[in-house]
Amino acid sequence: MTLSGFSFLMAGVLLNAVAQLLLKAGTNVLGVITLTRANWTSEFGRMAVEPHFIAGTACYVVSLVVWILGLSRVPVSVAYPMLSIGYVVNAIAAYYL
């Protein structure tokens, strides 16, 4: 594995972990989100303007691009197990959230 391949994969994994934590922080701000036929537009509106949700979505988009760049350099059989690092990062960081 090259340094660039490893760097792209790690950046993708860490961005994905940050995205998860930002989305959770957003739900902490908004409270329970209940989607029904009557309120789905207002609930999506609340989520669309919540800064944590905006940042989390942006992290997901960048994470996807960076992950694809990594996959173009590293076999998926090597890259996919690296996703488990994100679980560890999230578990530790979520303790403090």
PDB file of N, CA and C in Angstrom:
ATOM      1  N   MET A   1       0.860  -1.178   0.000  1.00  0.00           N
ATOM      2  CA  MET A   1       0.000   0.000   0.000  1.00  0.00           C
ATOM      3  C   MET A   1       0.903   1.237   0.000  1.00  0.00           C
ATOM      4  N   THR A   2       0.558   2.176  -0.855  1.00  0.00           N
ATOM      5  CA  THR A   2       1.336   3.412  -0.923  1.00  0.00           C
ATOM      6  C   THR A   2       0.892   4.374   0.172  1.00  0.00           C
ATOM      7  N   LEU A   3       1.734   5.348   0.431  1.00  0.00           N
ATOM      8  CA  LEU A   3       1.399   6.352   1.434  1.00  0.00           C
ATOM      9  C   LEU A   3       0.168   7.146   1.010  1.00  0.00           C
ATOM     10  N   SER A   4       0.060   7.456  -0.274  1.00  0.00           N
ATOM     11  CA  SER A   4      -1.114   8.220  -0.726  1.00  0.00           C
ATOM     12  C   SER A   4      -2.387   7.397  -0.576  1.00  0.00           C
ATOM     13  N   GLY A   5      -2.330   6.111  -0.913  1.00  0.00           N
ATOM     14  CA  GLY A   5      -3.504   5.255  -0.748  1.00  0.00           C
ATOM     15  C   GLY A   5      -3.926   5.162   0.703  1.00  0.00           C
ATOM     16  N   PHE A   6      -2.956   4.939   1.579  1.00  0.00           N
ATOM     17  CA  PHE A   6      -3.238   4.870   3.013  1.00  0.00           C
ATOM     18  C   PHE A   6      -3.810   6.193   3.515  1.00  0.00           C
ATOM     19  N   SER A   7      -3.233   7.298   3.066  1.00  0.00           N
ATOM     20  CA  SER A   7      -3.692   8.620   3.511  1.00  0.00           C
ATOM     21  C   SER A   7      -5.128   8.888   3.083  1.00  0.00           C
ATOM     22  N   PHE A   8      -5.454   8.558   1.841  1.00  0.00           N
ATOM     23  CA  PHE A   8      -6.829   8.754   1.373  1.00  0.00           C
ATOM     24  C   PHE A   8      -7.810   7.900   2.173  1.00  0.00           C
ATOM     25  N   LEU A   9      -7.445   6.645   2.403  1.00  0.00           N
ATOM     26  CA  LEU A   9      -8.349   5.763   3.147  1.00  0.00           C
ATOM     27  C   LEU A   9      -8.548   6.242   4.576  1.00  0.00           C
ATOM     28  N   MET A  10      -7.467   6.620   5.236  1.00  0.00           N
ATOM     29  CA  MET A  10      -7.594   7.093   6.619  1.00  0.00           C
ATOM     30  C   MET A  10      -8.396   8.390   6.685  1.00  0.00           C
ATOM     31  N   ALA A  11      -8.166   9.279   5.732  1.00  0.00           N
ATOM     32  CA  ALA A  11      -8.942  10.524   5.705  1.00  0.00           C
ATOM     33  C   ALA A  11     -10.418  10.215   5.498  1.00  0.00           C
ATOM     34  N   GLY A  12     -10.722   9.271   4.611  1.00  0.00           N
ATOM     35  CA  GLY A  12     -12.114   8.890   4.386  1.00  0.00           C
ATOM     36  C   GLY A  12     -12.760   8.292   5.619  1.00  0.00           C
ATOM     37  N   VAL A  13     -12.028   7.425   6.300  1.00  0.00           N
ATOM     38  CA  VAL A  13     -12.546   6.792   7.518  1.00  0.00           C
ATOM     39  C   VAL A  13     -12.784   7.837   8.604  1.00  0.00           C
ATOM     40  N   LEU A  14     -11.832   8.720   8.799  1.00  0.00           N
ATOM     41  CA  LEU A  14     -11.968   9.728   9.855  1.00  0.00           C
ATOM     42  C   LEU A  14     -13.058  10.749   9.528  1.00  0.00           C
ATOM     43  N   LEU A  15     -13.183  11.134   8.263  1.00  0.00           N
ATOM     44  CA  LEU A  15     -14.269  12.044   7.878  1.00  0.00           C
ATOM     45  C   LEU A  15     -15.631  11.394   8.102  1.00  0.00           C
ATOM     46  N   ASN A  16     -15.718  10.100   7.811  1.00  0.00           N
ATOM     47  CA  ASN A  16     -16.968   9.386   8.041  1.00  0.00           C
ATOM     48  C   ASN A  16     -17.299   9.362   9.527  1.00  0.00           C
ATOM     49  N   ALA A  17     -16.301   9.138  10.358  1.00  0.00           N
ATOM     50  CA  ALA A  17     -16.516   9.130  11.809  1.00  0.00           C
ATOM     51  C   ALA A  17     -16.953  10.505  12.297  1.00  0.00           C
ATOM     52  N   VAL A  18     -16.315  11.556  11.797  1.00  0.00           N
ATOM     53  CA  VAL A  18     -16.695  12.919  12.177  1.00  0.00           C
ATOM     54  C   VAL A  18     -18.125  13.207  11.737  1.00  0.00           C
ATOM     55  N   ALA A  19     -18.496  12.740  10.548  1.00  0.00           N
ATOM     56  CA  ALA A  19     -19.861  12.951  10.060  1.00  0.00           C
ATOM     57  C   ALA A  19     -20.877  12.321  11.006  1.00  0.00           C
ATOM     58  N   GLN A  20     -20.614  11.100  11.450  1.00  0.00           N
ATOM     59  CA  GLN A  20     -21.522  10.430  12.384  1.00  0.00           C
ATOM     60  C   GLN A  20     -21.670  11.223  13.680  1.00  0.00           C
ATOM     61  N   LEU A  21     -20.560  11.700  14.192  1.00  0.00           N
ATOM     62  CA  LEU A  21     -20.594  12.455  15.448  1.00  0.00           C
ATOM     63  C   LEU A  21     -21.320  13.786  15.278  1.00  0.00           C
ATOM     64  N   LEU A  22     -21.140  14.441  14.144  1.00  0.00           N
ATOM     65  CA  LEU A  22     -21.855  15.695  13.892  1.00  0.00           C
ATOM     66  C   LEU A  22     -23.359  15.465  13.771  1.00  0.00           C
ATOM     67  N   LEU A  23     -23.753  14.386  13.104  1.00  0.00           N
ATOM     68  CA  LEU A  23     -25.183  14.097  12.994  1.00  0.00           C
ATOM     69  C   LEU A  23     -25.784  13.801  14.365  1.00  0.00           C
ATOM     70  N   LYS A  24     -25.043  13.092  15.202  1.00  0.00           N
ATOM     71  CA  LYS A  24     -25.532  12.830  16.557  1.00  0.00           C
ATOM     72  C   LYS A  24     -25.628  14.126  17.349  1.00  0.00           C
ATOM     73  N   ALA A  25     -24.655  15.010  17.201  1.00  0.00           N
ATOM     74  CA  ALA A  25     -24.717  16.305  17.881  1.00  0.00           C
ATOM     75  C   ALA A  25     -25.939  17.085  17.405  1.00  0.00           C
ATOM     76  N   GLY A  26     -26.255  16.973  16.133  1.00  0.00           N
ATOM     77  CA  GLY A  26     -27.450  17.630  15.604  1.00  0.00           C
ATOM     78  C   GLY A  26     -28.728  17.082  16.209  1.00  0.00           C
ATOM     79  N   THR A  27     -28.790  15.767  16.402  1.00  0.00           N
ATOM     80  CA  THR A  27     -29.984  15.203  17.033  1.00  0.00           C
ATOM     81  C   THR A  27     -30.061  15.593  18.499  1.00  0.00           C
ATOM     82  N   ASN A  28     -28.913  15.792  19.134  1.00  0.00           N
ATOM     83  CA  ASN A  28     -28.926  16.274  20.521  1.00  0.00           C
ATOM     84  C   ASN A  28     -29.532  17.668  20.603  1.00  0.00           C
ATOM     85  N   VAL A  29     -29.290  18.488  19.594  1.00  0.00           N
ATOM     86  CA  VAL A  29     -29.847  19.842  19.563  1.00  0.00           C
ATOM     87  C   VAL A  29     -31.341  19.805  19.253  1.00  0.00           C
ATOM     88  N   LEU A  30     -31.731  19.012  18.259  1.00  0.00           N
ATOM     89  CA  LEU A  30     -33.125  19.004  17.802  1.00  0.00           C
ATOM     90  C   LEU A  30     -34.043  18.148  18.661  1.00  0.00           C
ATOM     91  N   GLY A  31     -33.513  17.184  19.340  1.00  0.00           N
ATOM     92  CA  GLY A  31     -34.354  16.255  20.088  1.00  0.00           C
ATOM     93  C   GLY A  31     -34.834  15.132  19.181  1.00  0.00           C
ATOM     94  N   VAL A  32     -35.834  14.415  19.630  1.00  0.00           N
ATOM     95  CA  VAL A  32     -36.352  13.279  18.877  1.00  0.00           C
ATOM     96  C   VAL A  32     -36.973  13.772  17.574  1.00  0.00           C
ATOM     97  N   ILE A  33     -36.608  13.121  16.481  1.00  0.00           N
ATOM     98  CA  ILE A  33     -37.154  13.466  15.169  1.00  0.00           C
ATOM     99  C   ILE A  33     -38.164  12.391  14.802  1.00  0.00           C
ATOM    100  N   THR A  34     -39.399  12.797  14.622  1.00  0.00           N
ATOM    101  CA  THR A  34     -40.464  11.871  14.266  1.00  0.00           C
ATOM    102  C   THR A  34     -41.039  12.296  12.925  1.00  0.00           C
ATOM    103  N   LEU A  35     -40.900  11.429  11.930  1.00  0.00           N
ATOM    104  CA  LEU A  35     -41.416  11.747  10.603  1.00  0.00           C
ATOM    105  C   LEU A  35     -42.783  11.108  10.403  1.00  0.00           C
ATOM    106  N   THR A  36     -43.744  11.938  10.093  1.00  0.00           N
ATOM    107  CA  THR A  36     -45.078  11.462   9.740  1.00  0.00           C
ATOM    108  C   THR A  36     -45.468  12.113   8.421  1.00  0.00           C
ATOM    109  N   ARG A  37     -46.555  11.662   7.870  1.00  0.00           N
ATOM    110  CA  ARG A  37     -47.039  12.246   6.625  1.00  0.00           C
ATOM    111  C   ARG A  37     -47.357  13.727   6.805  1.00  0.00           C
ATOM    112  N   ALA A  38     -47.785  14.105   7.990  1.00  0.00           N
ATOM    113  CA  ALA A  38     -48.196  15.488   8.240  1.00  0.00           C
ATOM    114  C   ALA A  38     -47.023  16.425   8.518  1.00  0.00           C
ATOM    115  N   ASN A  39     -45.918  15.907   9.073  1.00  0.00           N
ATOM    116  CA  ASN A  39     -44.861  16.823   9.508  1.00  0.00           C
ATOM    117  C   ASN A  39     -43.516  16.627   8.826  1.00  0.00           C
ATOM    118  N   TRP A  40     -43.420  15.774   7.839  1.00  0.00           N
ATOM    119  CA  TRP A  40     -42.107  15.473   7.288  1.00  0.00           C
ATOM    120  C   TRP A  40     -41.426  16.690   6.676  1.00  0.00           C
ATOM    121  N   THR A  41     -42.191  17.598   6.091  1.00  0.00           N
ATOM    122  CA  THR A  41     -41.552  18.777   5.488  1.00  0.00           C
ATOM    123  C   THR A  41     -40.970  19.701   6.559  1.00  0.00           C
ATOM    124  N   SER A  42     -41.690  19.892   7.637  1.00  0.00           N
ATOM    125  CA  SER A  42     -41.165  20.765   8.689  1.00  0.00           C
ATOM    126  C   SER A  42     -39.973  20.121   9.395  1.00  0.00           C
ATOM    127  N   GLU A  43     -40.002  18.806   9.570  1.00  0.00           N
ATOM    128  CA  GLU A  43     -38.870  18.116  10.204  1.00  0.00           C
ATOM    129  C   GLU A  43     -37.624  18.185   9.319  1.00  0.00           C
ATOM    130  N   PHE A  44     -37.804  17.966   8.022  1.00  0.00           N
ATOM    131  CA  PHE A  44     -36.658  18.089   7.119  1.00  0.00           C
ATOM    132  C   PHE A  44     -36.161  19.527   7.082  1.00  0.00           C
ATOM    133  N   GLY A  45     -37.070  20.475   7.187  1.00  0.00           N
ATOM    134  CA  GLY A  45     -36.675  21.880   7.249  1.00  0.00           C
ATOM    135  C   GLY A  45     -35.832  22.181   8.474  1.00  0.00           C
ATOM    136  N   ARG A  46     -36.242  21.626   9.618  1.00  0.00           N
ATOM    137  CA  ARG A  46     -35.452  21.813  10.847  1.00  0.00           C
ATOM    138  C   ARG A  46     -34.057  21.211  10.699  1.00  0.00           C
ATOM    139  N   MET A  47     -34.003  20.027  10.102  1.00  0.00           N
ATOM    140  CA  MET A  47     -32.707  19.374   9.919  1.00  0.00           C
ATOM    141  C   MET A  47     -31.839  20.124   8.911  1.00  0.00           C
ATOM    142  N   ALA A  48     -32.459  20.674   7.879  1.00  0.00           N
ATOM    143  CA  ALA A  48     -31.708  21.335   6.807  1.00  0.00           C
ATOM    144  C   ALA A  48     -30.994  22.595   7.268  1.00  0.00           C
ATOM    145  N   VAL A  49     -31.484  23.215   8.330  1.00  0.00           N
ATOM    146  CA  VAL A  49     -30.847  24.449   8.804  1.00  0.00           C
ATOM    147  C   VAL A  49     -30.017  24.238  10.072  1.00  0.00           C
ATOM    148  N   GLU A  50     -29.995  23.035  10.588  1.00  0.00           N
ATOM    149  CA  GLU A  50     -29.186  22.727  11.774  1.00  0.00           C
ATOM    150  C   GLU A  50     -27.714  22.630  11.344  1.00  0.00           C
ATOM    151  N   PRO A  51     -26.839  23.478  11.890  1.00  0.00           N
ATOM    152  CA  PRO A  51     -25.434  23.501  11.460  1.00  0.00           C
ATOM    153  C   PRO A  51     -24.709  22.154  11.581  1.00  0.00           C
ATOM    154  N   HIS A  52     -25.021  21.382  12.610  1.00  0.00           N
ATOM    155  CA  HIS A  52     -24.370  20.075  12.760  1.00  0.00           C
ATOM    156  C   HIS A  52     -24.754  19.144  11.610  1.00  0.00           C
ATOM    157  N   PHE A  53     -26.011  19.180  11.188  1.00  0.00           N
ATOM    158  CA  PHE A  53     -26.450  18.344  10.071  1.00  0.00           C
ATOM    159  C   PHE A  53     -25.801  18.784   8.769  1.00  0.00           C
ATOM    160  N   ILE A  54     -25.684  20.087   8.580  1.00  0.00           N
ATOM    161  CA  ILE A  54     -25.042  20.607   7.368  1.00  0.00           C
ATOM    162  C   ILE A  54     -23.580  20.163   7.326  1.00  0.00           C
ATOM    163  N   ALA A  55     -22.882  20.328   8.433  1.00  0.00           N
ATOM    164  CA  ALA A  55     -21.469  19.936   8.494  1.00  0.00           C
ATOM    165  C   ALA A  55     -21.309  18.421   8.357  1.00  0.00           C
ATOM    166  N   GLY A  56     -22.191  17.660   8.991  1.00  0.00           N
ATOM    167  CA  GLY A  56     -22.124  16.206   8.890  1.00  0.00           C
ATOM    168  C   GLY A  56     -22.347  15.718   7.474  1.00  0.00           C
ATOM    169  N   THR A  57     -23.307  16.323   6.789  1.00  0.00           N
ATOM    170  CA  THR A  57     -23.567  15.957   5.397  1.00  0.00           C
ATOM    171  C   THR A  57     -22.373  16.314   4.520  1.00  0.00           C
ATOM    172  N   ALA A  58     -21.783  17.473   4.756  1.00  0.00           N
ATOM    173  CA  ALA A  58     -20.592  17.877   3.993  1.00  0.00           C
ATOM    174  C   ALA A  58     -19.450  16.890   4.224  1.00  0.00           C
ATOM    175  N   CYS A  59     -19.273  16.456   5.466  1.00  0.00           N
ATOM    176  CA  CYS A  59     -18.226  15.474   5.763  1.00  0.00           C
ATOM    177  C   CYS A  59     -18.481  14.161   5.035  1.00  0.00           C
ATOM    178  N   TYR A  60     -19.740  13.742   4.965  1.00  0.00           N
ATOM    179  CA  TYR A  60     -20.072  12.522   4.229  1.00  0.00           C
ATOM    180  C   TYR A  60     -19.724  12.647   2.757  1.00  0.00           C
ATOM    181  N   VAL A  61     -20.043  13.788   2.153  1.00  0.00           N
ATOM    182  CA  VAL A  61     -19.764  13.985   0.729  1.00  0.00           C
ATOM    183  C   VAL A  61     -18.257  13.951   0.477  1.00  0.00           C
ATOM    184  N   VAL A  62     -17.501  14.685   1.281  1.00  0.00           N
ATOM    185  CA  VAL A  62     -16.044  14.700   1.120  1.00  0.00           C
ATOM    186  C   VAL A  62     -15.473  13.312   1.408  1.00  0.00           C
ATOM    187  N   SER A  63     -16.014  12.637   2.413  1.00  0.00           N
ATOM    188  CA  SER A  63     -15.572  11.291   2.754  1.00  0.00           C
ATOM    189  C   SER A  63     -15.756  10.338   1.576  1.00  0.00           C
ATOM    190  N   LEU A  64     -16.875  10.444   0.894  1.00  0.00           N
ATOM    191  CA  LEU A  64     -17.142   9.582  -0.259  1.00  0.00           C
ATOM    192  C   LEU A  64     -16.103   9.806  -1.351  1.00  0.00           C
ATOM    193  N   VAL A  65     -15.823  11.063  -1.660  1.00  0.00           N
ATOM    194  CA  VAL A  65     -14.846  11.378  -2.707  1.00  0.00           C
ATOM    195  C   VAL A  65     -13.459  10.869  -2.316  1.00  0.00           C
ATOM    196  N   VAL A  66     -13.057  11.126  -1.088  1.00  0.00           N
ATOM    197  CA  VAL A  66     -11.733  10.704  -0.622  1.00  0.00           C
ATOM    198  C   VAL A  66     -11.638   9.179  -0.591  1.00  0.00           C
ATOM    199  N   TRP A  67     -12.706   8.511  -0.179  1.00  0.00           N
ATOM    200  CA  TRP A  67     -12.716   7.045  -0.136  1.00  0.00           C
ATOM    201  C   TRP A  67     -12.553   6.472  -1.540  1.00  0.00           C
ATOM    202  N   ILE A  68     -13.231   7.056  -2.518  1.00  0.00           N
ATOM    203  CA  ILE A  68     -13.096   6.596  -3.903  1.00  0.00           C
ATOM    204  C   ILE A  68     -11.663   6.795  -4.395  1.00  0.00           C
ATOM    205  N   LEU A  69     -11.055   7.921  -4.044  1.00  0.00           N
ATOM    206  CA  LEU A  69      -9.653   8.142  -4.409  1.00  0.00           C
ATOM    207  C   LEU A  69      -8.762   7.067  -3.791  1.00  0.00           C
ATOM    208  N   GLY A  70      -9.040   6.697  -2.555  1.00  0.00           N
ATOM    209  CA  GLY A  70      -8.279   5.630  -1.909  1.00  0.00           C
ATOM    210  C   GLY A  70      -8.500   4.284  -2.571  1.00  0.00           C
ATOM    211  N   LEU A  71      -9.753   3.976  -2.901  1.00  0.00           N
ATOM    212  CA  LEU A  71     -10.061   2.695  -3.547  1.00  0.00           C
ATOM    213  C   LEU A  71      -9.411   2.572  -4.919  1.00  0.00           C
ATOM    214  N   SER A  72      -9.167   3.698  -5.564  1.00  0.00           N
ATOM    215  CA  SER A  72      -8.509   3.637  -6.871  1.00  0.00           C
ATOM    216  C   SER A  72      -7.030   3.278  -6.735  1.00  0.00           C
ATOM    217  N   ARG A  73      -6.504   3.314  -5.524  1.00  0.00           N
ATOM    218  CA  ARG A  73      -5.089   3.038  -5.288  1.00  0.00           C
ATOM    219  C   ARG A  73      -4.835   1.756  -4.495  1.00  0.00           C
ATOM    220  N   VAL A  74      -5.866   1.248  -3.820  1.00  0.00           N
ATOM    221  CA  VAL A  74      -5.695   0.110  -2.911  1.00  0.00           C
ATOM    222  C   VAL A  74      -6.794  -0.912  -3.203  1.00  0.00           C
ATOM    223  N   PRO A  75      -6.475  -2.207  -3.177  1.00  0.00           N
ATOM    224  CA  PRO A  75      -7.521  -3.216  -3.365  1.00  0.00           C
ATOM    225  C   PRO A  75      -8.577  -3.137  -2.253  1.00  0.00           C
ATOM    226  N   VAL A  76      -9.811  -3.422  -2.609  1.00  0.00           N
ATOM    227  CA  VAL A  76     -10.896  -3.350  -1.626  1.00  0.00           C
ATOM    228  C   VAL A  76     -10.675  -4.348  -0.489  1.00  0.00           C
ATOM    229  N   SER A  77      -9.985  -5.442  -0.770  1.00  0.00           N
ATOM    230  CA  SER A  77      -9.709  -6.428   0.283  1.00  0.00           C
ATOM    231  C   SER A  77      -8.778  -5.865   1.357  1.00  0.00           C
ATOM    232  N   VAL A  78      -8.031  -4.834   1.024  1.00  0.00           N
ATOM    233  CA  VAL A  78      -7.178  -4.153   1.996  1.00  0.00           C
ATOM    234  C   VAL A  78      -7.909  -2.953   2.595  1.00  0.00           C
ATOM    235  N   ALA A  79      -8.647  -2.242   1.752  1.00  0.00           N
ATOM    236  CA  ALA A  79      -9.298  -1.002   2.189  1.00  0.00           C
ATOM    237  C   ALA A  79     -10.464  -1.255   3.136  1.00  0.00           C
ATOM    238  N   TYR A  80     -11.308  -2.212   2.814  1.00  0.00           N
ATOM    239  CA  TYR A  80     -12.539  -2.400   3.578  1.00  0.00           C
ATOM    240  C   TYR A  80     -12.295  -2.670   5.063  1.00  0.00           C
ATOM    241  N   PRO A  81     -11.335  -3.511   5.423  1.00  0.00           N
ATOM    242  CA  PRO A  81     -11.104  -3.721   6.864  1.00  0.00           C
ATOM    243  C   PRO A  81     -10.691  -2.453   7.615  1.00  0.00           C
ATOM    244  N   MET A  82     -10.175  -1.463   6.898  1.00  0.00           N
ATOM    245  CA  MET A  82      -9.777  -0.222   7.559  1.00  0.00           C
ATOM    246  C   MET A  82     -10.982   0.557   8.077  1.00  0.00           C
ATOM    247  N   LEU A  83     -12.171   0.243   7.570  1.00  0.00           N
ATOM    248  CA  LEU A  83     -13.376   0.912   8.067  1.00  0.00           C
ATOM    249  C   LEU A  83     -13.588   0.656   9.553  1.00  0.00           C
ATOM    250  N   SER A  84     -13.059  -0.448  10.056  1.00  0.00           N
ATOM    251  CA  SER A  84     -13.239  -0.758  11.481  1.00  0.00           C
ATOM    252  C   SER A  84     -12.573   0.283  12.376  1.00  0.00           C
ATOM    253  N   ILE A  85     -11.593   0.993  11.858  1.00  0.00           N
ATOM    254  CA  ILE A  85     -10.964   2.066  12.635  1.00  0.00           C
ATOM    255  C   ILE A  85     -12.000   3.131  12.982  1.00  0.00           C
ATOM    256  N   GLY A  86     -12.926   3.373  12.053  1.00  0.00           N
ATOM    257  CA  GLY A  86     -13.986   4.352  12.292  1.00  0.00           C
ATOM    258  C   GLY A  86     -14.877   3.958  13.457  1.00  0.00           C
ATOM    259  N   TYR A  87     -15.129   2.666  13.619  1.00  0.00           N
ATOM    260  CA  TYR A  87     -15.947   2.208  14.742  1.00  0.00           C
ATOM    261  C   TYR A  87     -15.258   2.522  16.070  1.00  0.00           C
ATOM    262  N   VAL A  88     -13.962   2.307  16.119  1.00  0.00           N
ATOM    263  CA  VAL A  88     -13.209   2.579  17.345  1.00  0.00           C
ATOM    264  C   VAL A  88     -13.203   4.079  17.642  1.00  0.00           C
ATOM    265  N   VAL A  89     -12.945   4.881  16.617  1.00  0.00           N
ATOM    266  CA  VAL A  89     -12.933   6.342  16.790  1.00  0.00           C
ATOM    267  C   VAL A  89     -14.289   6.821  17.286  1.00  0.00           C
ATOM    268  N   ASN A  90     -15.367   6.329  16.671  1.00  0.00           N
ATOM    269  CA  ASN A  90     -16.714   6.746  17.077  1.00  0.00           C
ATOM    270  C   ASN A  90     -17.039   6.309  18.495  1.00  0.00           C
ATOM    271  N   ALA A  91     -16.664   5.114  18.853  1.00  0.00           N
ATOM    272  CA  ALA A  91     -16.973   4.626  20.199  1.00  0.00           C
ATOM    273  C   ALA A  91     -16.281   5.473  21.261  1.00  0.00           C
ATOM    274  N   ILE A  92     -15.037   5.820  21.009  1.00  0.00           N
ATOM    275  CA  ILE A  92     -14.299   6.629  21.982  1.00  0.00           C
ATOM    276  C   ILE A  92     -14.836   8.054  22.015  1.00  0.00           C
ATOM    277  N   ALA A  93     -15.021   8.655  20.843  1.00  0.00           N
ATOM    278  CA  ALA A  93     -15.483  10.047  20.782  1.00  0.00           C
ATOM    279  C   ALA A  93     -16.922  10.188  21.278  1.00  0.00           C
ATOM    280  N   ALA A  94     -17.764   9.202  21.004  1.00  0.00           N
ATOM    281  CA  ALA A  94     -19.168   9.281  21.422  1.00  0.00           C
ATOM    282  C   ALA A  94     -19.304   9.274  22.940  1.00  0.00           C
ATOM    283  N   TYR A  95     -18.351   8.688  23.608  1.00  0.00           N
ATOM    284  CA  TYR A  95     -18.367   8.688  25.069  1.00  0.00           C
ATOM    285  C   TYR A  95     -18.379  10.117  25.603  1.00  0.00           C
ATOM    286  N   TYR A  96     -17.704  11.017  24.900  1.00  0.00           N
ATOM    287  CA  TYR A  96     -17.589  12.407  25.336  1.00  0.00           C
ATOM    288  C   TYR A  96     -18.662  13.310  24.750  1.00  0.00           C
ATOM    289  N   LEU A  97     -19.486  12.797  23.857  1.00  0.00           N
ATOM    290  CA  LEU A  97     -20.506  13.621  23.201  1.00  0.00           C
ATOM    291  C   LEU A  97     -21.757  13.767  24.045  1.00  0.00           C
TER     292      LEU A  97
END
